[in-house]
PDB file of N, CA and C in Angstrom:
ATOM      1  N   MET A   1      15.374  19.543 -11.724  1.00  0.00           N
ATOM      2  CA  MET A   1      15.078  18.124 -11.897  1.00  0.00           C
ATOM      3  C   MET A   1      14.176  17.630 -10.780  1.00  0.00           C
ATOM      4  N   LYS A   2      13.370  16.689 -11.121  1.00  0.00           N
ATOM      5  CA  LYS A   2      12.416  16.126 -10.186  1.00  0.00           C
ATOM      6  C   LYS A   2      12.997  14.888  -9.494  1.00  0.00           C
ATOM      7  N   LEU A   3      12.695  14.751  -8.195  1.00  0.00           N
ATOM      8  CA  LEU A   3      13.138  13.569  -7.457  1.00  0.00           C
ATOM      9  C   LEU A   3      12.277  12.364  -7.832  1.00  0.00           C
ATOM     10  N   THR A   4      12.905  11.198  -7.881  1.00  0.00           N
ATOM     11  CA  THR A   4      12.143   9.965  -8.067  1.00  0.00           C
ATOM     12  C   THR A   4      11.443   9.649  -6.738  1.00  0.00           C
ATOM     13  N   PRO A   5      10.455   8.762  -6.737  1.00  0.00           N
ATOM     14  CA  PRO A   5       9.798   8.397  -5.467  1.00  0.00           C
ATOM     15  C   PRO A   5      10.784   7.868  -4.413  1.00  0.00           C
ATOM     16  N   ILE A   6      11.746   7.073  -4.824  1.00  0.00           N
ATOM     17  CA  ILE A   6      12.739   6.545  -3.870  1.00  0.00           C
ATOM     18  C   ILE A   6      13.571   7.690  -3.311  1.00  0.00           C
ATOM     19  N   GLU A   7      14.052   8.580  -4.181  1.00  0.00           N
ATOM     20  CA  GLU A   7      14.844   9.724  -3.726  1.00  0.00           C
ATOM     21  C   GLU A   7      14.041  10.590  -2.770  1.00  0.00           C
ATOM     22  N   TYR A   8      12.793  10.837  -3.116  1.00  0.00           N
ATOM     23  CA  TYR A   8      11.921  11.636  -2.256  1.00  0.00           C
ATOM     24  C   TYR A   8      11.784  10.993  -0.872  1.00  0.00           C
ATOM     25  N   ASN A   9      11.565   9.691  -0.840  1.00  0.00           N
ATOM     26  CA  ASN A   9      11.390   9.002   0.435  1.00  0.00           C
ATOM     27  C   ASN A   9      12.657   9.019   1.284  1.00  0.00           C
ATOM     28  N   ILE A  10      13.812   8.902   0.657  1.00  0.00           N
ATOM     29  CA  ILE A  10      15.079   8.999   1.399  1.00  0.00           C
ATOM     30  C   ILE A  10      15.226  10.403   1.974  1.00  0.00           C
ATOM     31  N   LEU A  11      14.993  11.415   1.159  1.00  0.00           N
ATOM     32  CA  LEU A  11      15.102  12.799   1.612  1.00  0.00           C
ATOM     33  C   LEU A  11      14.105  13.081   2.732  1.00  0.00           C
ATOM     34  N   LEU A  12      12.895  12.589   2.589  1.00  0.00           N
ATOM     35  CA  LEU A  12      11.870  12.777   3.619  1.00  0.00           C
ATOM     36  C   LEU A  12      12.283  12.124   4.943  1.00  0.00           C
ATOM     37  N   LEU A  13      12.812  10.918   4.876  1.00  0.00           N
ATOM     38  CA  LEU A  13      13.285  10.222   6.075  1.00  0.00           C
ATOM     39  C   LEU A  13      14.339  11.061   6.793  1.00  0.00           C
ATOM     40  N   LEU A  14      15.311  11.569   6.051  1.00  0.00           N
ATOM     41  CA  LEU A  14      16.369  12.358   6.650  1.00  0.00           C
ATOM     42  C   LEU A  14      15.848  13.693   7.191  1.00  0.00           C
ATOM     43  N   MET A  15      14.939  14.330   6.451  1.00  0.00           N
ATOM     44  CA  MET A  15      14.406  15.625   6.887  1.00  0.00           C
ATOM     45  C   MET A  15      13.534  15.506   8.134  1.00  0.00           C
ATOM     46  N   LYS A  16      12.761  14.448   8.223  1.00  0.00           N
ATOM     47  CA  LYS A  16      11.903  14.256   9.399  1.00  0.00           C
ATOM     48  C   LYS A  16      12.715  13.946  10.651  1.00  0.00           C
ATOM     49  N   ASN A  17      13.954  13.548  10.466  1.00  0.00           N
ATOM     50  CA  ASN A  17      14.823  13.150  11.574  1.00  0.00           C
ATOM     51  C   ASN A  17      16.121  13.948  11.553  1.00  0.00           C
ATOM     52  N   GLN A  18      15.996  15.269  11.385  1.00  0.00           N
ATOM     53  CA  GLN A  18      17.183  16.119  11.280  1.00  0.00           C
ATOM     54  C   GLN A  18      18.112  15.914  12.469  1.00  0.00           C
ATOM     55  N   GLY A  19      19.393  15.797  12.166  1.00  0.00           N
ATOM     56  CA  GLY A  19      20.401  15.615  13.194  1.00  0.00           C
ATOM     57  C   GLY A  19      20.684  14.156  13.522  1.00  0.00           C
ATOM     58  N   LYS A  20      19.771  13.264  13.159  1.00  0.00           N
ATOM     59  CA  LYS A  20      19.967  11.835  13.424  1.00  0.00           C
ATOM     60  C   LYS A  20      20.737  11.213  12.267  1.00  0.00           C
ATOM     61  N   VAL A  21      21.734  10.415  12.622  1.00  0.00           N
ATOM     62  CA  VAL A  21      22.529   9.728  11.607  1.00  0.00           C
ATOM     63  C   VAL A  21      21.891   8.368  11.317  1.00  0.00           C
ATOM     64  N   PHE A  22      21.653   8.104  10.033  1.00  0.00           N
ATOM     65  CA  PHE A  22      21.096   6.820   9.601  1.00  0.00           C
ATOM     66  C   PHE A  22      22.181   6.034   8.889  1.00  0.00           C
ATOM     67  N   SER A  23      22.349   4.781   9.278  1.00  0.00           N
ATOM     68  CA  SER A  23      23.285   3.913   8.566  1.00  0.00           C
ATOM     69  C   SER A  23      22.684   3.569   7.206  1.00  0.00           C
ATOM     70  N   ILE A  24      23.527   3.083   6.325  1.00  0.00           N
ATOM     71  CA  ILE A  24      23.055   2.655   5.008  1.00  0.00           C
ATOM     72  C   ILE A  24      22.007   1.561   5.163  1.00  0.00           C
ATOM     73  N   SER A  25      22.234   0.641   6.086  1.00  0.00           N
ATOM     74  CA  SER A  25      21.263  -0.438   6.320  1.00  0.00           C
ATOM     75  C   SER A  25      19.930   0.111   6.805  1.00  0.00           C
ATOM     76  N   GLN A  26      19.959   1.086   7.704  1.00  0.00           N
ATOM     77  CA  GLN A  26      18.713   1.673   8.210  1.00  0.00           C
ATOM     78  C   GLN A  26      17.947   2.367   7.092  1.00  0.00           C
ATOM     79  N   ILE A  27      18.660   3.106   6.256  1.00  0.00           N
ATOM     80  CA  ILE A  27      17.997   3.784   5.130  1.00  0.00           C
ATOM     81  C   ILE A  27      17.386   2.751   4.194  1.00  0.00           C
ATOM     82  N   TYR A  28      18.165   1.748   3.821  1.00  0.00           N
ATOM     83  CA  TYR A  28      17.680   0.739   2.881  1.00  0.00           C
ATOM     84  C   TYR A  28      16.460   0.022   3.436  1.00  0.00           C
ATOM     85  N   GLU A  29      16.537  -0.430   4.673  1.00  0.00           N
ATOM     86  CA  GLU A  29      15.424  -1.189   5.261  1.00  0.00           C
ATOM     87  C   GLU A  29      14.180  -0.326   5.433  1.00  0.00           C
ATOM     88  N   SER A  30      14.352   0.969   5.713  1.00  0.00           N
ATOM     89  CA  SER A  30      13.206   1.869   5.855  1.00  0.00           C
ATOM     90  C   SER A  30      12.519   2.141   4.532  1.00  0.00           C
ATOM     91  N   ILE A  31      13.308   2.289   3.475  1.00  0.00           N
ATOM     92  CA  ILE A  31      12.752   2.682   2.180  1.00  0.00           C
ATOM     93  C   ILE A  31      12.273   1.482   1.366  1.00  0.00           C
ATOM     94  N   TRP A  32      13.059   0.416   1.336  1.00  0.00           N
ATOM     95  CA  TRP A  32      12.727  -0.741   0.502  1.00  0.00           C
ATOM     96  C   TRP A  32      11.981  -1.828   1.273  1.00  0.00           C
ATOM     97  N   ASN A  33      11.889  -1.705   2.586  1.00  0.00           N
ATOM     98  CA  ASN A  33      11.235  -2.716   3.426  1.00  0.00           C
ATOM     99  C   ASN A  33      11.785  -4.113   3.156  1.00  0.00           C
ATOM    100  N   ALA A  34      13.107  -4.192   3.075  1.00  0.00           N
ATOM    101  CA  ALA A  34      13.785  -5.471   2.835  1.00  0.00           C
ATOM    102  C   ALA A  34      15.115  -5.460   3.573  1.00  0.00           C
ATOM    103  N   ASP A  35      15.687  -6.635   3.753  1.00  0.00           N
ATOM    104  CA  ASP A  35      16.995  -6.722   4.381  1.00  0.00           C
ATOM    105  C   ASP A  35      18.033  -6.014   3.513  1.00  0.00           C
ATOM    106  N   ALA A  36      18.972  -5.360   4.173  1.00  0.00           N
ATOM    107  CA  ALA A  36      19.954  -4.532   3.471  1.00  0.00           C
ATOM    108  C   ALA A  36      21.203  -5.300   3.080  1.00  0.00           C
ATOM    109  N   ILE A  37      21.030  -6.450   2.487  1.00  0.00           N
ATOM    110  CA  ILE A  37      22.176  -7.251   2.047  1.00  0.00           C
ATOM    111  C   ILE A  37      22.693  -6.659   0.741  1.00  0.00           C
ATOM    112  N   GLY A  38      23.931  -6.184   0.761  1.00  0.00           N
ATOM    113  CA  GLY A  38      24.522  -5.587  -0.433  1.00  0.00           C
ATOM    114  C   GLY A  38      23.908  -4.265  -0.837  1.00  0.00           C
ATOM    115  N   ALA A  39      23.409  -3.508   0.143  1.00  0.00           N
ATOM    116  CA  ALA A  39      22.692  -2.268  -0.146  1.00  0.00           C
ATOM    117  C   ALA A  39      23.589  -1.039  -0.234  1.00  0.00           C
ATOM    118  N   ASP A  40      24.861  -1.174   0.126  1.00  0.00           N
ATOM    119  CA  ASP A  40      25.744  -0.007   0.208  1.00  0.00           C
ATOM    120  C   ASP A  40      25.725   0.840  -1.060  1.00  0.00           C
ATOM    121  N   ASN A  41      25.968   0.214  -2.194  1.00  0.00           N
ATOM    122  CA  ASN A  41      26.045   0.959  -3.438  1.00  0.00           C
ATOM    123  C   ASN A  41      24.687   1.536  -3.838  1.00  0.00           C
ATOM    124  N   THR A  42      23.627   0.810  -3.600  1.00  0.00           N
ATOM    125  CA  THR A  42      22.285   1.275  -3.959  1.00  0.00           C
ATOM    126  C   THR A  42      21.966   2.580  -3.251  1.00  0.00           C
ATOM    127  N   VAL A  43      22.175   2.621  -1.945  1.00  0.00           N
ATOM    128  CA  VAL A  43      21.880   3.829  -1.173  1.00  0.00           C
ATOM    129  C   VAL A  43      22.815   4.962  -1.595  1.00  0.00           C
ATOM    130  N   ALA A  44      24.096   4.677  -1.764  1.00  0.00           N
ATOM    131  CA  ALA A  44      25.063   5.708  -2.151  1.00  0.00           C
ATOM    132  C   ALA A  44      24.698   6.355  -3.486  1.00  0.00           C
ATOM    133  N   VAL A  45      24.250   5.556  -4.437  1.00  0.00           N
ATOM    134  CA  VAL A  45      23.864   6.090  -5.749  1.00  0.00           C
ATOM    135  C   VAL A  45      22.650   7.004  -5.607  1.00  0.00           C
ATOM    136  N   HIS A  46      21.664   6.599  -4.824  1.00  0.00           N
ATOM    137  CA  HIS A  46      20.477   7.442  -4.633  1.00  0.00           C
ATOM    138  C   HIS A  46      20.838   8.742  -3.908  1.00  0.00           C
ATOM    139  N   ILE A  47      21.706   8.665  -2.915  1.00  0.00           N
ATOM    140  CA  ILE A  47      22.150   9.877  -2.211  1.00  0.00           C
ATOM    141  C   ILE A  47      22.858  10.809  -3.196  1.00  0.00           C
ATOM    142  N   ARG A  48      23.705  10.249  -4.055  1.00  0.00           N
ATOM    143  CA  ARG A  48      24.408  11.066  -5.053  1.00  0.00           C
ATOM    144  C   ARG A  48      23.415  11.753  -5.987  1.00  0.00           C
ATOM    145  N   HIS A  49      22.398  11.027  -6.422  1.00  0.00           N
ATOM    146  CA  HIS A  49      21.392  11.618  -7.316  1.00  0.00           C
ATOM    147  C   HIS A  49      20.614  12.724  -6.611  1.00  0.00           C
ATOM    148  N   ILE A  50      20.275  12.524  -5.341  1.00  0.00           N
ATOM    149  CA  ILE A  50      19.580  13.572  -4.582  1.00  0.00           C
ATOM    150  C   ILE A  50      20.472  14.808  -4.499  1.00  0.00           C
ATOM    151  N   ARG A  51      21.729  14.606  -4.164  1.00  0.00           N
ATOM    152  CA  ARG A  51      22.663  15.737  -4.058  1.00  0.00           C
ATOM    153  C   ARG A  51      22.771  16.487  -5.383  1.00  0.00           C
ATOM    154  N   GLU A  52      22.814  15.759  -6.484  1.00  0.00           N
ATOM    155  CA  GLU A  52      22.910  16.402  -7.796  1.00  0.00           C
ATOM    156  C   GLU A  52      21.694  17.278  -8.085  1.00  0.00           C
ATOM    157  N   LYS A  53      20.571  16.937  -7.476  1.00  0.00           N
ATOM    158  CA  LYS A  53      19.331  17.671  -7.729  1.00  0.00           C
ATOM    159  C   LYS A  53      19.091  18.812  -6.747  1.00  0.00           C
ATOM    160  N   ILE A  54      19.592  18.709  -5.504  1.00  0.00           N
ATOM    161  CA  ILE A  54      19.262  19.730  -4.508  1.00  0.00           C
ATOM    162  C   ILE A  54      20.436  20.599  -4.065  1.00  0.00           C
ATOM    163  N   GLU A  55      21.645  20.155  -4.330  1.00  0.00           N
ATOM    164  CA  GLU A  55      22.821  20.899  -3.863  1.00  0.00           C
ATOM    165  C   GLU A  55      23.322  21.850  -4.953  1.00  0.00           C
ATOM    166  N   ILE A  56      23.826  23.007  -4.539  1.00  0.00           N
ATOM    167  CA  ILE A  56      24.449  23.935  -5.474  1.00  0.00           C
ATOM    168  C   ILE A  56      25.730  23.305  -6.011  1.00  0.00           C
ATOM    169  N   ASN A  57      26.535  22.736  -5.101  1.00  0.00           N
ATOM    170  CA  ASN A  57      27.758  22.031  -5.479  1.00  0.00           C
ATOM    171  C   ASN A  57      27.708  20.642  -4.844  1.00  0.00           C
ATOM    172  N   PRO A  58      27.272  19.634  -5.593  1.00  0.00           N
ATOM    173  CA  PRO A  58      27.121  18.288  -5.029  1.00  0.00           C
ATOM    174  C   PRO A  58      28.402  17.699  -4.441  1.00  0.00           C
ATOM    175  N   LYS A  59      29.564  18.171  -4.897  1.00  0.00           N
ATOM    176  CA  LYS A  59      30.830  17.645  -4.372  1.00  0.00           C
ATOM    177  C   LYS A  59      31.150  18.217  -2.989  1.00  0.00           C
ATOM    178  N   GLU A  60      30.493  19.316  -2.635  1.00  0.00           N
ATOM    179  CA  GLU A  60      30.628  19.909  -1.302  1.00  0.00           C
ATOM    180  C   GLU A  60      29.223  20.129  -0.744  1.00  0.00           C
ATOM    181  N   PRO A  61      28.558  19.041  -0.347  1.00  0.00           N
ATOM    182  CA  PRO A  61      27.155  19.140   0.051  1.00  0.00           C
ATOM    183  C   PRO A  61      26.933  19.974   1.314  1.00  0.00           C
ATOM    184  N   ARG A  62      25.880  20.788   1.275  1.00  0.00           N
ATOM    185  CA  ARG A  62      25.488  21.601   2.419  1.00  0.00           C
ATOM    186  C   ARG A  62      24.364  20.947   3.205  1.00  0.00           C
ATOM    187  N   TYR A  63      23.599  20.096   2.568  1.00  0.00           N
ATOM    188  CA  TYR A  63      22.400  19.557   3.198  1.00  0.00           C
ATOM    189  C   TYR A  63      22.587  18.120   3.677  1.00  0.00           C
ATOM    190  N   ILE A  64      22.781  17.202   2.766  1.00  0.00           N
ATOM    191  CA  ILE A  64      22.955  15.798   3.155  1.00  0.00           C
ATOM    192  C   ILE A  64      24.432  15.566   3.452  1.00  0.00           C
ATOM    193  N   LYS A  65      24.708  15.294   4.715  1.00  0.00           N
ATOM    194  CA  LYS A  65      26.087  15.111   5.170  1.00  0.00           C
ATOM    195  C   LYS A  65      26.381  13.634   5.365  1.00  0.00           C
ATOM    196  N   VAL A  66      27.617  13.252   5.063  1.00  0.00           N
ATOM    197  CA  VAL A  66      28.062  11.903   5.351  1.00  0.00           C
ATOM    198  C   VAL A  66      28.769  11.939   6.704  1.00  0.00           C
ATOM    199  N   VAL A  67      28.483  10.968   7.532  1.00  0.00           N
ATOM    200  CA  VAL A  67      29.200  10.778   8.786  1.00  0.00           C
ATOM    201  C   VAL A  67      30.039   9.535   8.552  1.00  0.00           C
ATOM    202  N   TRP A  68      31.329   9.737   8.293  1.00  0.00           N
ATOM    203  CA  TRP A  68      32.200   8.657   7.839  1.00  0.00           C
ATOM    204  C   TRP A  68      32.155   7.456   8.762  1.00  0.00           C
ATOM    205  N   GLY A  69      31.953   6.304   8.158  1.00  0.00           N
ATOM    206  CA  GLY A  69      31.910   5.053   8.896  1.00  0.00           C
ATOM    207  C   GLY A  69      30.581   4.769   9.557  1.00  0.00           C
ATOM    208  N   ILE A  70      29.639   5.731   9.480  1.00  0.00           N
ATOM    209  CA  ILE A  70      28.341   5.540  10.142  1.00  0.00           C
ATOM    210  C   ILE A  70      27.189   5.618   9.148  1.00  0.00           C
ATOM    211  N   GLY A  71      27.052   6.746   8.444  1.00  0.00           N
ATOM    212  CA  GLY A  71      25.933   6.875   7.515  1.00  0.00           C
ATOM    213  C   GLY A  71      25.724   8.305   7.055  1.00  0.00           C
ATOM    214  N   TYR A  72      24.452   8.698   6.933  1.00  0.00           N
ATOM    215  CA  TYR A  72      24.074   9.999   6.404  1.00  0.00           C
ATOM    216  C   TYR A  72      23.126  10.710   7.345  1.00  0.00           C
ATOM    217  N   LYS A  73      23.114  12.051   7.243  1.00  0.00           N
ATOM    218  CA  LYS A  73      22.199  12.861   8.043  1.00  0.00           C
ATOM    219  C   LYS A  73      21.973  14.195   7.368  1.00  0.00           C
ATOM    220  N   ILE A  74      20.927  14.880   7.811  1.00  0.00           N
ATOM    221  CA  ILE A  74      20.697  16.274   7.483  1.00  0.00           C
ATOM    222  C   ILE A  74      20.800  17.010   8.804  1.00  0.00           C
ATOM    223  N   ASP A  75      21.651  18.039   8.836  1.00  0.00           N
ATOM    224  CA  ASP A  75      21.821  18.809  10.070  1.00  0.00           C
ATOM    225  C   ASP A  75      20.571  19.599  10.394  1.00  0.00           C
ATOM    226  N   LYS A  76      20.374  19.845  11.692  1.00  0.00           N
ATOM    227  CA  LYS A  76      19.278  20.700  12.119  1.00  0.00           C
ATOM    228  C   LYS A  76      19.575  22.114  11.670  1.00  0.00           C
ATOM    229  N   ALA A  77      18.524  22.814  11.257  1.00  0.00           N
ATOM    230  CA  ALA A  77      18.691  24.191  10.768  1.00  0.00           C
ATOM    231  C   ALA A  77      19.005  25.141  11.901  1.00  0.00           C
TER     232      ALA A  77
END
């Protein structure tokens, strides 16, 4: 499956900053260039769609990790 432009931009942001944890607000504001009011579900849905496309088992992600209470990151290789 192909990534949408939004999914691609989220993945690119995380990949360019491997190891850095981004909050949902930081991801939303970086990608949509707008205030992240009520953005939690929007970002979570896009992350889920990315995982469904790039992970072998999206329920146990190897690439995009959640840092509970903080946000998302991609670990350094």
